[in-house]
Protein backbone atom coordinates (compact mmCIF):
# COMPACT_ATOMS: atom_id res chain seq x y z
CA MET A 1 32.18 7.64 19.43
CA LYS A 2 32.10 6.15 15.66
CA ILE A 3 29.15 4.82 17.00
CA LEU A 4 27.56 7.61 18.76
CA ALA A 5 27.83 9.54 15.96
CA THR A 6 26.45 7.24 13.16
CA VAL A 7 23.26 6.95 15.56
CA PHE A 8 23.03 10.75 15.45
CA ILE A 9 23.44 11.16 11.77
CA VAL A 10 20.82 8.31 11.17
CA VAL A 11 18.64 10.06 13.61
CA PHE A 12 19.18 13.35 12.62
CA SER A 13 18.58 12.64 8.83
CA CYS A 14 15.37 10.66 9.86
CA LEU A 15 13.79 13.81 11.84
CA HIS A 16 15.35 15.92 8.69
CA SER A 17 13.08 14.17 6.00
CA PHE A 18 10.16 13.87 8.82
CA ALA A 19 10.30 17.75 8.73
CA ASP A 20 10.36 18.06 4.99
CA GLN A 21 7.39 16.25 4.17
CA LYS A 22 4.16 17.68 3.58
CA TRP A 23 0.98 17.67 5.97
CA SER A 24 -2.29 15.92 4.82
CA GLN A 25 -5.67 15.71 5.88
CA GLY A 26 -5.91 12.48 7.87
CA VAL A 27 -7.57 10.12 10.11
CA VAL A 28 -5.59 7.35 12.56
CA VAL A 29 -6.84 4.63 14.57
CA LEU A 30 -5.31 3.59 17.24
CA THR A 31 -4.65 -0.05 18.52
CA SER A 32 -7.01 0.72 21.44
CA GLY A 33 -9.62 1.78 19.26
CA GLU A 34 -9.31 5.52 18.88
CA VAL A 35 -9.83 7.63 16.65
CA LYS A 36 -8.06 10.97 15.90
CA VAL A 37 -8.88 13.43 12.71
CA GLY A 38 -6.11 15.98 12.17
CA LEU A 39 -3.18 16.18 10.07
CA LEU A 40 -0.36 13.63 9.19
CA GLN A 41 2.92 12.66 7.50
CA TYR A 42 3.13 9.11 6.60
CA HIS A 43 6.71 7.68 6.43
CA PRO A 44 6.79 4.57 4.71
CA ARG A 45 10.91 3.91 4.58
CA TRP A 46 10.30 4.23 8.87
CA ASP A 47 6.98 2.40 9.11
CA ALA A 48 5.53 5.26 11.14
CA VAL A 49 3.11 7.40 11.11
CA SER A 50 3.45 11.49 12.61
CA PHE A 51 0.04 13.30 13.59
CA LYS A 52 -0.97 16.61 14.62
CA GLY A 53 -4.61 18.12 15.65
CA GLU A 54 -5.48 20.46 13.01
CA GLU A 55 -4.26 23.72 15.00
CA LYS A 56 -1.31 24.78 14.43
CA ALA A 57 0.13 25.03 17.75
CA GLY A 58 -0.67 21.23 18.36
CA ALA A 59 2.12 18.75 19.49
CA VAL A 60 3.10 15.85 16.87
CA GLU A 61 3.07 12.30 18.52
CA THR A 62 5.22 9.80 16.16
CA PHE A 63 3.26 6.52 15.52
CA PRO A 64 4.70 3.42 14.93
CA ALA A 65 2.84 0.31 13.11
CA ASN A 66 2.47 -1.99 16.70
CA LYS A 67 0.58 1.57 17.61
CA LEU A 68 -1.94 1.62 14.63
CA SER A 69 -4.54 -0.63 13.56
CA GLN A 70 -5.27 2.01 10.49
CA PHE A 71 -4.79 4.92 9.02
CA SER A 72 -5.86 7.25 6.22
CA PHE A 73 -4.94 10.37 4.34
CA PHE A 74 -6.10 12.79 1.13
CA ASP A 75 -3.01 12.39 -1.24
CA ASP A 76 -3.66 15.73 -3.45
CA HIS A 77 -1.05 14.51 -5.78
CA ILE A 78 -3.81 11.86 -7.19
CA GLU A 79 -6.71 13.18 -5.84
CA VAL A 80 -8.17 10.09 -3.65
CA TRP A 81 -7.85 8.85 -0.11
CA ARG A 82 -5.01 6.64 1.00
CA LYS A 83 -6.51 3.65 3.63
CA PHE A 84 -3.88 1.60 5.54
CA TYR A 85 -4.00 -1.16 7.00
CA THR A 86 -1.65 -3.00 9.69
CA TYR A 87 -0.54 -6.73 9.10
CA ILE A 88 1.63 -9.04 10.85
CA ALA A 89 4.11 -9.90 8.13
CA ASN A 90 7.91 -11.42 8.24
CA LYS A 91 10.94 -8.80 8.20
CA ARG A 92 14.26 -10.54 8.26
CA GLY A 93 13.11 -13.73 10.06
CA PHE A 94 10.89 -11.99 12.58
CA ASN A 95 7.08 -11.37 12.55
CA GLN A 96 5.85 -7.88 12.96
CA PRO A 97 3.55 -5.34 12.35
CA VAL A 98 3.91 -3.47 9.13
CA PHE A 99 1.92 -0.92 7.24
CA TYR A 100 0.24 -2.08 3.98
CA GLU A 101 -1.74 0.53 1.74
CA VAL A 102 -5.28 -1.26 0.77
CA VAL A 103 -5.70 -0.87 -3.28
CA ILE A 104 -8.52 -3.59 -2.79
CA LYS A 105 -10.37 -4.64 0.98
CA GLY A 106 -12.27 -7.82 0.14
CA ASP A 107 -11.80 -11.43 0.95
CA TYR A 108 -9.13 -11.59 -1.99
CA GLY A 109 -7.45 -8.59 -1.29
CA LEU A 110 -4.75 -6.59 -2.96
CA LEU A 111 -2.05 -4.37 -1.04
CA ARG A 112 0.75 -2.29 -2.16
CA LYS A 113 3.94 -1.19 -0.35
CA GLU A 114 6.55 1.84 -1.90
CA LYS A 115 9.65 0.40 -2.92
CA SER A 116 12.33 1.34 -0.56
CA ILE A 117 14.59 2.30 -3.89
CA GLU A 118 12.20 4.76 -5.79
CA PRO A 119 12.29 4.14 -9.77
CA VAL A 120 13.63 6.84 -12.18
CA TYR A 121 10.96 8.94 -12.72
CA ASP A 122 12.91 11.13 -15.67
CA ASP A 123 12.55 7.40 -17.69
CA ILE A 124 9.08 6.87 -16.64
CA ALA A 125 7.94 10.62 -17.73
CA SER A 126 9.80 10.46 -21.22
CA SER A 127 7.70 7.27 -22.16
CA ALA A 128 4.49 8.01 -21.15
CA SER A 129 1.71 9.66 -23.36
CA SER A 130 -0.27 11.26 -21.24
CA ILE A 131 -0.33 13.13 -17.83
CA ASN A 132 -2.58 10.39 -16.89
CA ASP A 133 -0.43 7.60 -18.49
CA ARG A 134 2.76 9.38 -16.05
CA MET A 135 0.33 9.17 -13.50
CA LEU A 136 -0.61 5.61 -13.58
CA LYS A 137 3.02 4.57 -14.60
CA GLU A 138 4.43 6.33 -10.85
CA GLN A 139 1.65 4.51 -9.02
CA VAL A 140 2.41 0.83 -10.27
CA ALA A 141 6.60 1.64 -10.41
CA GLY A 142 7.25 2.70 -6.99
CA PHE A 143 5.22 -0.29 -5.60
CA ASP A 144 5.52 -3.83 -4.67
CA PHE A 145 2.12 -5.30 -4.72
CA PHE A 146 0.81 -8.53 -3.03
CA PHE A 147 -1.69 -10.67 -2.73
CA CYS A 148 -3.81 -11.06 0.64
CA HIS A 149 -6.21 -13.82 1.70
CA ASN A 150 -7.18 -15.11 4.80
CA ASN A 151 -4.19 -12.68 6.55
CA ASN A 152 -1.57 -14.39 4.35
CA ILE A 153 0.84 -11.63 2.47
CA VAL A 154 2.26 -13.07 -1.11
CA PRO A 155 3.81 -11.35 -3.38
CA LEU A 156 2.26 -11.27 -6.85
CA GLY A 157 4.98 -13.24 -8.29
CA SER A 158 4.07 -16.46 -6.53
CA PHE A 159 0.07 -15.74 -6.64
CA LYS A 160 -0.07 -19.03 -9.26
CA LYS A 161 1.62 -20.73 -6.73
CA TYR A 162 -0.40 -19.67 -3.82
CA MET A 163 -3.94 -20.64 -5.93
CA LYS A 164 -2.58 -23.96 -7.04
CA GLY A 165 -2.05 -24.54 -3.25
CA HIS A 166 -5.08 -23.44 -1.76
CA GLY A 167 -7.44 -25.34 -4.02
CA LEU A 168 -8.18 -22.06 -6.07
CA PHE A 169 -6.90 -22.64 -9.29
CA GLU A 170 -8.76 -24.42 -11.94
CA ASP A 171 -11.64 -21.71 -11.75
CA LEU A 172 -9.46 -19.21 -12.14
CA ASP A 173 -6.85 -20.33 -14.86
CA ASN A 174 -10.18 -21.02 -16.84
CA PHE A 175 -11.35 -17.08 -16.61
CA ALA A 176 -7.86 -16.20 -17.24
CA ASP A 177 -7.80 -18.58 -20.62
CA THR A 178 -11.24 -16.91 -21.51
CA HIS A 179 -10.22 -13.90 -21.19
CA ARG A 180 -6.29 -13.98 -22.24
CA LEU A 181 -5.14 -12.97 -19.05
CA SER A 182 -1.28 -14.02 -18.59
CA TRP A 183 -0.58 -15.15 -14.39
CA ARG A 184 2.93 -13.25 -14.79
CA ASP A 185 1.43 -9.50 -15.46
CA SER A 186 0.76 -7.89 -12.64
CA TYR A 187 -3.06 -5.91 -14.51
CA ASP A 188 -4.08 -9.16 -15.49
CA ILE A 189 -3.68 -10.80 -11.93
CA VAL A 190 -5.34 -7.74 -10.53
CA MET A 191 -8.25 -8.60 -13.08
CA MET A 192 -8.30 -12.18 -11.65
CA ILE A 193 -8.34 -10.90 -8.03
CA ASN A 194 -11.57 -8.84 -8.89
CA PHE A 195 -12.69 -12.11 -10.57
CA LEU A 196 -12.44 -13.80 -7.24
CA ASN A 197 -13.98 -11.07 -5.11
CA CYS A 198 -16.89 -10.56 -8.11
CA SER A 199 -17.79 -14.86 -7.97
CA SER A 200 -17.97 -14.99 -4.35
CA GLY A 201 -19.81 -11.92 -3.43
CA SER A 202 -17.27 -10.47 -1.61
CA THR A 203 -17.35 -6.51 -0.84
CA GLY A 204 -13.70 -6.10 -2.78
CA CYS A 205 -15.95 -6.50 -6.37
CA GLN A 206 -15.43 -3.71 -8.26
CA GLU A 207 -17.49 -3.76 -11.51
CA GLY A 208 -15.47 -1.82 -14.70
CA LEU A 209 -12.48 -2.00 -12.51
CA GLU A 210 -9.88 0.42 -14.05
CA LEU A 211 -6.14 0.63 -13.36
CA THR A 212 -5.59 4.34 -14.19
CA ARG A 213 -6.05 4.95 -10.13
CA LEU A 214 -4.60 2.34 -8.03
CA ALA A 215 -6.34 4.06 -4.69
CA SER A 216 -7.88 2.57 -1.56
CA SER A 217 -10.75 1.04 -2.34
CA ASN A 218 -13.55 -0.43 0.14
């Protein structure tokens, strides 16, 4: 009986959080290749997307990560389209499909995923000197960032080790020294990733890259 009660509480809380969430204009692409345009809600905690057609009476469909290859929606808080792809990641010793938001898409990619524990935004707000600064800090503090290369997903803390293991360290280290970039600073690593894309001619190259908006890029 206790087990059933626990399951009920978990399911109810999940459905309640789904119901409270705002619907955004978006697109989902199923693994079958089918494209659906309408309204969606992204639930990062559950790695799921709820979708319904633009008509108000439309039925709601919920897609886990293994059912979608990608999706995107317009985030009116930061006024950008955010784009997500499904990657295979190792979680608790098992390989399974997981949604990652694409910040930089190229031969050398930058991904991010919302943290399971939200940061204390009151502290962030108090240290922000402007609205843009606060938005930037929100878009960074609430996320874990990952480097993506050849379908390998690596936390930014392991970026230097990965570069050394794949013969990419020397040229990048020279670039870092020239521009006084730190291998421990996330912002500087983003600049290094952009350098890799630009020097390889990848579509991920962004001239004059700015971090005022960590939004999806193609």
